[in-house]
PDB file of all heavy atoms in Angstrom:
ATOM      1  N   LEU A   1       0.876  -1.196   0.020  1.00  0.00           N
ATOM      2  CA  LEU A   1       0.008   0.043  -0.019  1.00  0.00           C
ATOM      3  C   LEU A   1       0.856   1.256   0.032  1.00  0.00           C
ATOM      4  O   LEU A   1       0.555   2.263  -0.691  1.00  0.00           O
ATOM      5  CB  LEU A   1      -0.903   0.008   1.193  1.00  0.00           C
ATOM      6  CG  LEU A   1      -2.120  -0.913   1.126  1.00  0.00           C
ATOM      7  CD1 LEU A   1      -2.877  -1.081   2.426  1.00  0.00           C
ATOM      8  CD2 LEU A   1      -3.121  -0.471  -0.027  1.00  0.00           C
ATOM      9  N   ALA A   2       1.910   1.217   0.757  1.00  0.00           N
ATOM     10  CA  ALA A   2       2.841   2.363   0.751  1.00  0.00           C
ATOM     11  C   ALA A   2       3.389   2.647  -0.614  1.00  0.00           C
ATOM     12  O   ALA A   2       3.515   3.822  -1.059  1.00  0.00           O
ATOM     13  CB  ALA A   2       3.988   2.180   1.789  1.00  0.00           C
ATOM     14  N   GLU A   3       3.784   1.586  -1.305  1.00  0.00           N
ATOM     15  CA  GLU A   3       4.294   1.783  -2.692  1.00  0.00           C
ATOM     16  C   GLU A   3       3.152   2.279  -3.674  1.00  0.00           C
ATOM     17  O   GLU A   3       3.419   3.042  -4.571  1.00  0.00           O
ATOM     18  CB  GLU A   3       4.858   0.440  -3.152  1.00  0.00           C
ATOM     19  CG  GLU A   3       5.668   0.614  -4.470  1.00  0.00           C
ATOM     20  CD  GLU A   3       6.410  -0.633  -4.777  1.00  0.00           C
ATOM     21  OE1 GLU A   3       5.754  -1.535  -5.423  1.00  0.00           O
ATOM     22  OE2 GLU A   3       7.593  -0.834  -4.479  1.00  0.00           O
ATOM     23  N   LEU A   4       1.941   1.827  -3.394  1.00  0.00           N
ATOM     24  CA  LEU A   4       0.774   2.248  -4.187  1.00  0.00           C
ATOM     25  C   LEU A   4       0.674   3.812  -4.118  1.00  0.00           C
ATOM     26  O   LEU A   4       0.371   4.464  -5.161  1.00  0.00           O
ATOM     27  CB  LEU A   4      -0.461   1.626  -3.752  1.00  0.00           C
ATOM     28  CG  LEU A   4      -1.831   2.123  -4.426  1.00  0.00           C
ATOM     29  CD1 LEU A   4      -1.764   1.868  -5.921  1.00  0.00           C
ATOM     30  CD2 LEU A   4      -2.989   1.446  -3.830  1.00  0.00           C
ATOM     31  N   GLU A   5       0.864   4.313  -2.898  1.00  0.00           N
ATOM     32  CA  GLU A   5       0.788   5.777  -2.766  1.00  0.00           C
ATOM     33  C   GLU A   5       1.819   6.444  -3.638  1.00  0.00           C
ATOM     34  O   GLU A   5       1.493   7.576  -4.340  1.00  0.00           O
ATOM     35  CB  GLU A   5       0.983   6.184  -1.268  1.00  0.00           C
ATOM     36  CG  GLU A   5       0.802   7.665  -1.036  1.00  0.00           C
ATOM     37  CD  GLU A   5       0.910   7.963   0.384  1.00  0.00           C
ATOM     38  OE1 GLU A   5       1.700   7.388   1.156  1.00  0.00           O
ATOM     39  OE2 GLU A   5       0.217   8.921   0.913  1.00  0.00           O
ATOM     40  N   LYS A   6       3.041   5.933  -3.669  1.00  0.00           N
ATOM     41  CA  LYS A   6       4.038   6.604  -4.548  1.00  0.00           C
ATOM     42  C   LYS A   6       3.669   6.528  -6.008  1.00  0.00           C
ATOM     43  O   LYS A   6       3.899   7.439  -6.817  1.00  0.00           O
ATOM     44  CB  LYS A   6       5.419   5.844  -4.329  1.00  0.00           C
ATOM     45  CG  LYS A   6       5.999   6.010  -2.942  1.00  0.00           C
ATOM     46  CD  LYS A   6       7.362   5.165  -2.857  1.00  0.00           C
ATOM     47  CE  LYS A   6       7.887   5.291  -1.444  1.00  0.00           C
ATOM     48  NZ  LYS A   6       9.172   4.471  -1.321  1.00  0.00           N
ATOM     49  N   VAL A   7       3.036   5.359  -6.407  1.00  0.00           N
ATOM     50  CA  VAL A   7       2.690   5.127  -7.844  1.00  0.00           C
ATOM     51  C   VAL A   7       1.566   6.196  -8.128  1.00  0.00           C
ATOM     52  O   VAL A   7       1.565   6.734  -9.261  1.00  0.00           O
ATOM     53  CB  VAL A   7       2.191   3.702  -8.029  1.00  0.00           C
ATOM     54  CG1 VAL A   7       1.709   3.573  -9.452  1.00  0.00           C
ATOM     55  CG2 VAL A   7       3.307   2.776  -7.703  1.00  0.00           C
ATOM     56  N   LEU A   8       0.663   6.405  -7.248  1.00  0.00           N
ATOM     57  CA  LEU A   8      -0.468   7.287  -7.487  1.00  0.00           C
ATOM     58  C   LEU A   8       0.084   8.719  -7.716  1.00  0.00           C
ATOM     59  O   LEU A   8      -0.451   9.451  -8.540  1.00  0.00           O
ATOM     60  CB  LEU A   8      -1.455   7.316  -6.336  1.00  0.00           C
ATOM     61  CG  LEU A   8      -2.259   5.924  -6.231  1.00  0.00           C
ATOM     62  CD1 LEU A   8      -3.196   5.961  -4.951  1.00  0.00           C
ATOM     63  CD2 LEU A   8      -3.172   5.760  -7.477  1.00  0.00           C
ATOM     64  N   PHE A   9       1.151   9.092  -7.018  1.00  0.00           N
ATOM     65  CA  PHE A   9       1.803  10.379  -7.325  1.00  0.00           C
ATOM     66  C   PHE A   9       2.164  10.467  -8.808  1.00  0.00           C
ATOM     67  O   PHE A   9       1.960  11.511  -9.475  1.00  0.00           O
ATOM     68  CB  PHE A   9       2.989  10.551  -6.376  1.00  0.00           C
ATOM     69  CG  PHE A   9       2.719  11.243  -5.047  1.00  0.00           C
ATOM     70  CD1 PHE A   9       2.856  10.492  -3.930  1.00  0.00           C
ATOM     71  CD2 PHE A   9       2.307  12.483  -4.922  1.00  0.00           C
ATOM     72  CE1 PHE A   9       2.590  11.072  -2.625  1.00  0.00           C
ATOM     73  CE2 PHE A   9       2.039  13.136  -3.729  1.00  0.00           C
ATOM     74  CZ  PHE A   9       2.222  12.368  -2.595  1.00  0.00           C
ATOM     75  N   ASP A  10       2.812   9.431  -9.254  1.00  0.00           N
ATOM     76  CA  ASP A  10       3.341   9.433 -10.653  1.00  0.00           C
ATOM     77  C   ASP A  10       2.077   9.516 -11.597  1.00  0.00           C
ATOM     78  O   ASP A  10       2.157  10.216 -12.607  1.00  0.00           O
ATOM     79  CB  ASP A  10       4.046   8.103 -10.943  1.00  0.00           C
ATOM     80  CG  ASP A  10       5.513   8.188 -10.370  1.00  0.00           C
ATOM     81  OD1 ASP A  10       5.760   9.135  -9.658  1.00  0.00           O
ATOM     82  OD2 ASP A  10       6.282   7.215 -10.688  1.00  0.00           O
ATOM     83  N   ILE A  11       1.073   8.700 -11.298  1.00  0.00           N
ATOM     84  CA  ILE A  11      -0.101   8.681 -12.170  1.00  0.00           C
ATOM     85  C   ILE A  11      -0.792  10.090 -12.295  1.00  0.00           C
ATOM     86  O   ILE A  11      -1.145  10.573 -13.364  1.00  0.00           O
ATOM     87  CB  ILE A  11      -1.075   7.704 -11.673  1.00  0.00           C
ATOM     88  CG1 ILE A  11      -0.456   6.267 -11.863  1.00  0.00           C
ATOM     89  CG2 ILE A  11      -2.438   7.736 -12.443  1.00  0.00           C
ATOM     90  CD1 ILE A  11      -1.273   5.119 -11.205  1.00  0.00           C
ATOM     91  N   GLU A  12      -0.882  10.827 -11.131  1.00  0.00           N
ATOM     92  CA  GLU A  12      -1.461  12.130 -11.088  1.00  0.00           C
ATOM     93  C   GLU A  12      -0.711  13.098 -12.014  1.00  0.00           C
ATOM     94  O   GLU A  12      -1.342  14.051 -12.584  1.00  0.00           O
ATOM     95  CB  GLU A  12      -1.519  12.650  -9.658  1.00  0.00           C
ATOM     96  CG  GLU A  12      -2.506  11.911  -8.818  1.00  0.00           C
ATOM     97  CD  GLU A  12      -2.386  12.187  -7.358  1.00  0.00           C
ATOM     98  OE1 GLU A  12      -1.291  12.711  -6.902  1.00  0.00           O
ATOM     99  OE2 GLU A  12      -3.300  12.010  -6.589  1.00  0.00           O
ATOM    100  N   GLY A  13       0.572  12.851 -12.212  1.00  0.00           N
ATOM    101  CA  GLY A  13       1.351  13.793 -12.920  1.00  0.00           C
ATOM    102  C   GLY A  13       1.615  13.441 -14.403  1.00  0.00           C
ATOM    103  O   GLY A  13       2.272  14.142 -15.128  1.00  0.00           O
ATOM    104  N   MET A  14       1.089  12.236 -14.833  1.00  0.00           N
ATOM    105  CA  MET A  14       1.457  11.751 -16.170  1.00  0.00           C
ATOM    106  C   MET A  14       0.436  12.083 -17.228  1.00  0.00           C
ATOM    107  O   MET A  14       0.674  11.907 -18.421  1.00  0.00           O
ATOM    108  CB  MET A  14       1.677  10.211 -16.164  1.00  0.00           C
ATOM    109  CG  MET A  14       0.402   9.387 -15.939  1.00  0.00           C
ATOM    110  SD  MET A  14       0.788   7.648 -15.582  1.00  0.00           S
ATOM    111  CE  MET A  14       1.771   7.147 -17.044  1.00  0.00           C
ATOM    112  N   GLY A  15      -0.700  12.767 -16.805  1.00  0.00           N
ATOM    113  CA  GLY A  15      -1.627  13.221 -17.858  1.00  0.00           C
ATOM    114  C   GLY A  15      -2.456  12.156 -18.517  1.00  0.00           C
ATOM    115  O   GLY A  15      -2.946  12.418 -19.616  1.00  0.00           O
ATOM    116  N   ALA A  16      -2.527  10.983 -17.891  1.00  0.00           N
ATOM    117  CA  ALA A  16      -3.308   9.888 -18.553  1.00  0.00           C
ATOM    118  C   ALA A  16      -4.802  10.169 -18.496  1.00  0.00           C
ATOM    119  O   ALA A  16      -5.291  10.935 -17.623  1.00  0.00           O
ATOM    120  CB  ALA A  16      -2.991   8.538 -17.841  1.00  0.00           C
ATOM    121  N   LYS A  17      -5.548   9.624 -19.510  1.00  0.00           N
ATOM    122  CA  LYS A  17      -6.997   9.937 -19.515  1.00  0.00           C
ATOM    123  C   LYS A  17      -7.761   8.780 -18.808  1.00  0.00           C
ATOM    124  O   LYS A  17      -8.978   8.898 -18.711  1.00  0.00           O
ATOM    125  CB  LYS A  17      -7.448  10.147 -20.940  1.00  0.00           C
ATOM    126  CG  LYS A  17      -7.320   8.862 -21.792  1.00  0.00           C
ATOM    127  CD  LYS A  17      -7.834   9.258 -23.275  1.00  0.00           C
ATOM    128  CE  LYS A  17      -7.849   8.018 -24.169  1.00  0.00           C
ATOM    129  NZ  LYS A  17      -8.291   8.375 -25.490  1.00  0.00           N
ATOM    130  N   GLY A  18      -7.049   7.748 -18.341  1.00  0.00           N
ATOM    131  CA  GLY A  18      -7.711   6.693 -17.596  1.00  0.00           C
ATOM    132  C   GLY A  18      -6.707   5.810 -16.981  1.00  0.00           C
ATOM    133  O   GLY A  18      -5.513   5.744 -17.343  1.00  0.00           O
ATOM    134  N   LEU A  19      -7.028   4.995 -16.000  1.00  0.00           N
ATOM    135  CA  LEU A  19      -6.220   4.133 -15.248  1.00  0.00           C
ATOM    136  C   LEU A  19      -6.855   2.733 -15.137  1.00  0.00           C
ATOM    137  O   LEU A  19      -8.057   2.584 -14.692  1.00  0.00           O
ATOM    138  CB  LEU A  19      -5.898   4.656 -13.880  1.00  0.00           C
ATOM    139  CG  LEU A  19      -5.112   3.685 -12.941  1.00  0.00           C
ATOM    140  CD1 LEU A  19      -3.714   3.417 -13.487  1.00  0.00           C
ATOM    141  CD2 LEU A  19      -5.083   4.225 -11.540  1.00  0.00           C
ATOM    142  N   VAL A  20      -6.119   1.689 -15.409  1.00  0.00           N
ATOM    143  CA  VAL A  20      -6.548   0.341 -15.332  1.00  0.00           C
ATOM    144  C   VAL A  20      -5.681  -0.329 -14.209  1.00  0.00           C
ATOM    145  O   VAL A  20      -4.481  -0.162 -14.220  1.00  0.00           O
ATOM    146  CB  VAL A  20      -6.380  -0.526 -16.571  1.00  0.00           C
ATOM    147  CG1 VAL A  20      -6.796  -1.933 -16.419  1.00  0.00           C
ATOM    148  CG2 VAL A  20      -7.124   0.093 -17.709  1.00  0.00           C
ATOM    149  N   ILE A  21      -6.361  -0.937 -13.227  1.00  0.00           N
ATOM    150  CA  ILE A  21      -5.592  -1.720 -12.245  1.00  0.00           C
ATOM    151  C   ILE A  21      -5.919  -3.186 -12.397  1.00  0.00           C
ATOM    152  O   ILE A  21      -7.083  -3.593 -12.594  1.00  0.00           O
ATOM    153  CB  ILE A  21      -6.058  -1.272 -10.779  1.00  0.00           C
ATOM    154  CG1 ILE A  21      -5.631   0.132 -10.571  1.00  0.00           C
ATOM    155  CG2 ILE A  21      -5.381  -2.164  -9.734  1.00  0.00           C
ATOM    156  CD1 ILE A  21      -5.986   0.692  -9.190  1.00  0.00           C
ATOM    157  N   ARG A  22      -4.822  -3.964 -12.456  1.00  0.00           N
ATOM    158  CA  ARG A  22      -5.019  -5.375 -12.793  1.00  0.00           C
ATOM    159  C   ARG A  22      -3.927  -6.150 -12.117  1.00  0.00           C
ATOM    160  O   ARG A  22      -2.871  -5.620 -11.740  1.00  0.00           O
ATOM    161  CB  ARG A  22      -5.037  -5.682 -14.231  1.00  0.00           C
ATOM    162  CG  ARG A  22      -5.325  -7.118 -14.531  1.00  0.00           C
ATOM    163  CD  ARG A  22      -5.795  -7.398 -15.949  1.00  0.00           C
ATOM    164  NE  ARG A  22      -6.570  -8.640 -15.868  1.00  0.00           N
ATOM    165  CZ  ARG A  22      -6.801  -9.410 -16.955  1.00  0.00           C
ATOM    166  NH1 ARG A  22      -6.483  -8.950 -18.122  1.00  0.00           N
ATOM    167  NH2 ARG A  22      -7.369 -10.535 -16.855  1.00  0.00           N
ATOM    168  N   SER A  23      -4.194  -7.455 -11.833  1.00  0.00           N
ATOM    169  CA  SER A  23      -3.178  -8.337 -11.279  1.00  0.00           C
ATOM    170  C   SER A  23      -2.298  -9.042 -12.395  1.00  0.00           C
ATOM    171  O   SER A  23      -2.841  -9.349 -13.365  1.00  0.00           O
ATOM    172  CB  SER A  23      -3.871  -9.435 -10.427  1.00  0.00           C
ATOM    173  OG  SER A  23      -2.953 -10.446 -10.108  1.00  0.00           O
ATOM    174  N   ALA A  24      -1.049  -9.174 -12.117  1.00  0.00           N
ATOM    175  CA  ALA A  24      -0.174  -9.894 -13.063  1.00  0.00           C
ATOM    176  C   ALA A  24      -0.087 -11.361 -12.656  1.00  0.00           C
ATOM    177  O   ALA A  24       0.555 -12.151 -13.317  1.00  0.00           O
ATOM    178  CB  ALA A  24       1.161  -9.321 -13.096  1.00  0.00           C
ATOM    179  N   LYS A  25      -0.773 -11.731 -11.518  1.00  0.00           N
ATOM    180  CA  LYS A  25      -0.744 -13.130 -11.114  1.00  0.00           C
ATOM    181  C   LYS A  25      -1.865 -13.848 -11.816  1.00  0.00           C
ATOM    182  O   LYS A  25      -2.936 -13.420 -11.976  1.00  0.00           O
ATOM    183  CB  LYS A  25      -0.978 -13.182  -9.586  1.00  0.00           C
ATOM    184  CG  LYS A  25      -0.043 -12.431  -8.691  1.00  0.00           C
ATOM    185  CD  LYS A  25       1.314 -13.010  -8.591  1.00  0.00           C
ATOM    186  CE  LYS A  25       2.150 -12.288  -7.475  1.00  0.00           C
ATOM    187  NZ  LYS A  25       3.536 -12.647  -7.533  1.00  0.00           N
ATOM    188  N   LYS A  26      -1.507 -15.089 -12.215  1.00  0.00           N
ATOM    189  CA  LYS A  26      -2.523 -15.883 -12.971  1.00  0.00           C
ATOM    190  C   LYS A  26      -3.753 -16.284 -12.096  1.00  0.00           C
ATOM    191  O   LYS A  26      -4.844 -16.405 -12.589  1.00  0.00           O
ATOM    192  CB  LYS A  26      -1.910 -17.116 -13.544  1.00  0.00           C
ATOM    193  CG  LYS A  26      -0.950 -16.836 -14.692  1.00  0.00           C
ATOM    194  CD  LYS A  26      -0.389 -18.134 -15.359  1.00  0.00           C
ATOM    195  CE  LYS A  26       0.498 -17.896 -16.543  1.00  0.00           C
ATOM    196  NZ  LYS A  26       1.006 -19.132 -17.120  1.00  0.00           N
ATOM    197  N   GLY A  27      -3.483 -16.519 -10.864  1.00  0.00           N
ATOM    198  CA  GLY A  27      -4.596 -17.008  -9.940  1.00  0.00           C
ATOM    199  C   GLY A  27      -5.683 -16.077  -9.659  1.00  0.00           C
ATOM    200  O   GLY A  27      -6.791 -16.531  -9.417  1.00  0.00           O
ATOM    201  N   GLY A  28      -5.405 -14.792  -9.696  1.00  0.00           N
ATOM    202  CA  GLY A  28      -6.451 -13.891  -9.342  1.00  0.00           C
ATOM    203  C   GLY A  28      -5.987 -12.485  -9.104  1.00  0.00           C
ATOM    204  O   GLY A  28      -4.887 -12.089  -9.353  1.00  0.00           O
ATOM    205  N   PHE A  29      -6.922 -11.601  -8.738  1.00  0.00           N
ATOM    206  CA  PHE A  29      -6.744 -10.161  -8.559  1.00  0.00           C
ATOM    207  C   PHE A  29      -5.978  -9.944  -7.249  1.00  0.00           C
ATOM    208  O   PHE A  29      -4.686  -9.921  -7.215  1.00  0.00           O
ATOM    209  CB  PHE A  29      -8.097  -9.477  -8.548  1.00  0.00           C
ATOM    210  CG  PHE A  29      -8.024  -7.948  -8.525  1.00  0.00           C
ATOM    211  CD1 PHE A  29      -7.504  -7.250  -9.602  1.00  0.00           C
ATOM    212  CD2 PHE A  29      -8.557  -7.247  -7.376  1.00  0.00           C
ATOM    213  CE1 PHE A  29      -7.477  -5.897  -9.531  1.00  0.00           C
ATOM    214  CE2 PHE A  29      -8.507  -5.940  -7.376  1.00  0.00           C
ATOM    215  CZ  PHE A  29      -7.960  -5.218  -8.428  1.00  0.00           C
ATOM    216  N   ILE A  30      -6.570  -9.865  -6.102  1.00  0.00           N
ATOM    217  CA  ILE A  30      -5.992  -9.713  -4.793  1.00  0.00           C
ATOM    218  C   ILE A  30      -6.793 -10.473  -3.839  1.00  0.00           C
ATOM    219  O   ILE A  30      -8.068 -10.420  -3.768  1.00  0.00           O
ATOM    220  CB  ILE A  30      -5.948  -8.167  -4.365  1.00  0.00           C
ATOM    221  CG1 ILE A  30      -5.239  -7.334  -5.413  1.00  0.00           C
ATOM    222  CG2 ILE A  30      -5.293  -8.031  -2.967  1.00  0.00           C
ATOM    223  CD1 ILE A  30      -5.345  -5.863  -5.212  1.00  0.00           C
ATOM    224  N   ALA A  31      -6.065 -11.337  -3.073  1.00  0.00           N
ATOM    225  CA  ALA A  31      -6.793 -12.255  -2.058  1.00  0.00           C
ATOM    226  C   ALA A  31      -7.138 -11.541  -0.771  1.00  0.00           C
ATOM    227  O   ALA A  31      -7.657 -12.193   0.084  1.00  0.00           O
ATOM    228  CB  ALA A  31      -5.895 -13.474  -1.851  1.00  0.00           C
ATOM    229  N   GLY A  32      -6.854 -10.250  -0.617  1.00  0.00           N
ATOM    230  CA  GLY A  32      -7.208  -9.552   0.629  1.00  0.00           C
ATOM    231  C   GLY A  32      -5.961  -9.016   1.279  1.00  0.00           C
ATOM    232  O   GLY A  32      -4.903  -8.914   0.683  1.00  0.00           O
ATOM    233  N   ALA A  33      -6.113  -8.591   2.478  1.00  0.00           N
ATOM    234  CA  ALA A  33      -5.019  -8.134   3.290  1.00  0.00           C
ATOM    235  C   ALA A  33      -4.048  -9.285   3.556  1.00  0.00           C
ATOM    236  O   ALA A  33      -4.409 -10.466   3.548  1.00  0.00           O
ATOM    237  CB  ALA A  33      -5.534  -7.521   4.620  1.00  0.00           C
ATOM    238  N   ASP A  34      -2.772  -8.875   3.887  1.00  0.00           N
ATOM    239  CA  ASP A  34      -1.786  -9.872   4.296  1.00  0.00           C
ATOM    240  C   ASP A  34      -2.105 -10.238   5.811  1.00  0.00           C
ATOM    241  O   ASP A  34      -1.794  -9.406   6.644  1.00  0.00           O
ATOM    242  CB  ASP A  34      -0.443  -9.324   4.072  1.00  0.00           C
ATOM    243  CG  ASP A  34       0.674 -10.368   4.372  1.00  0.00           C
ATOM    244  OD1 ASP A  34       0.420 -11.355   5.080  1.00  0.00           O
ATOM    245  OD2 ASP A  34       1.829 -10.242   3.780  1.00  0.00           O
ATOM    246  N   ILE A  35      -2.663 -11.398   6.018  1.00  0.00           N
ATOM    247  CA  ILE A  35      -3.091 -11.756   7.415  1.00  0.00           C
ATOM    248  C   ILE A  35      -1.871 -11.778   8.347  1.00  0.00           C
ATOM    249  O   ILE A  35      -2.023 -11.625   9.588  1.00  0.00           O
ATOM    250  CB  ILE A  35      -3.859 -13.081   7.413  1.00  0.00           C
ATOM    251  CG1 ILE A  35      -4.904 -13.064   6.403  1.00  0.00           C
ATOM    252  CG2 ILE A  35      -4.405 -13.411   8.740  1.00  0.00           C
ATOM    253  CD1 ILE A  35      -5.965 -11.993   6.574  1.00  0.00           C
ATOM    254  N   ARG A  36      -0.702 -11.939   7.795  1.00  0.00           N
ATOM    255  CA  ARG A  36       0.483 -11.964   8.667  1.00  0.00           C
ATOM    256  C   ARG A  36       0.639 -10.633   9.364  1.00  0.00           C
ATOM    257  O   ARG A  36       1.269 -10.560  10.536  1.00  0.00           O
ATOM    258  CB  ARG A  36       1.722 -12.299   7.820  1.00  0.00           C
ATOM    259  CG  ARG A  36       1.799 -13.688   7.303  1.00  0.00           C
ATOM    260  CD  ARG A  36       2.901 -13.958   6.310  1.00  0.00           C
ATOM    261  NE  ARG A  36       2.647 -13.184   5.053  1.00  0.00           N
ATOM    262  CZ  ARG A  36       3.303 -13.423   3.951  1.00  0.00           C
ATOM    263  NH1 ARG A  36       4.254 -14.375   3.884  1.00  0.00           N
ATOM    264  NH2 ARG A  36       3.048 -12.663   2.852  1.00  0.00           N
TER     265      ARG A  36
END
């Protein structure tokens, strides 16, 4: 999540007209919080 905040700074300044969020893992999107 901390790294996501840094990425969002970049996205806000790049002038994109849309954002797609996707998982690069074959099994799925996100399984939830890290229970650890």
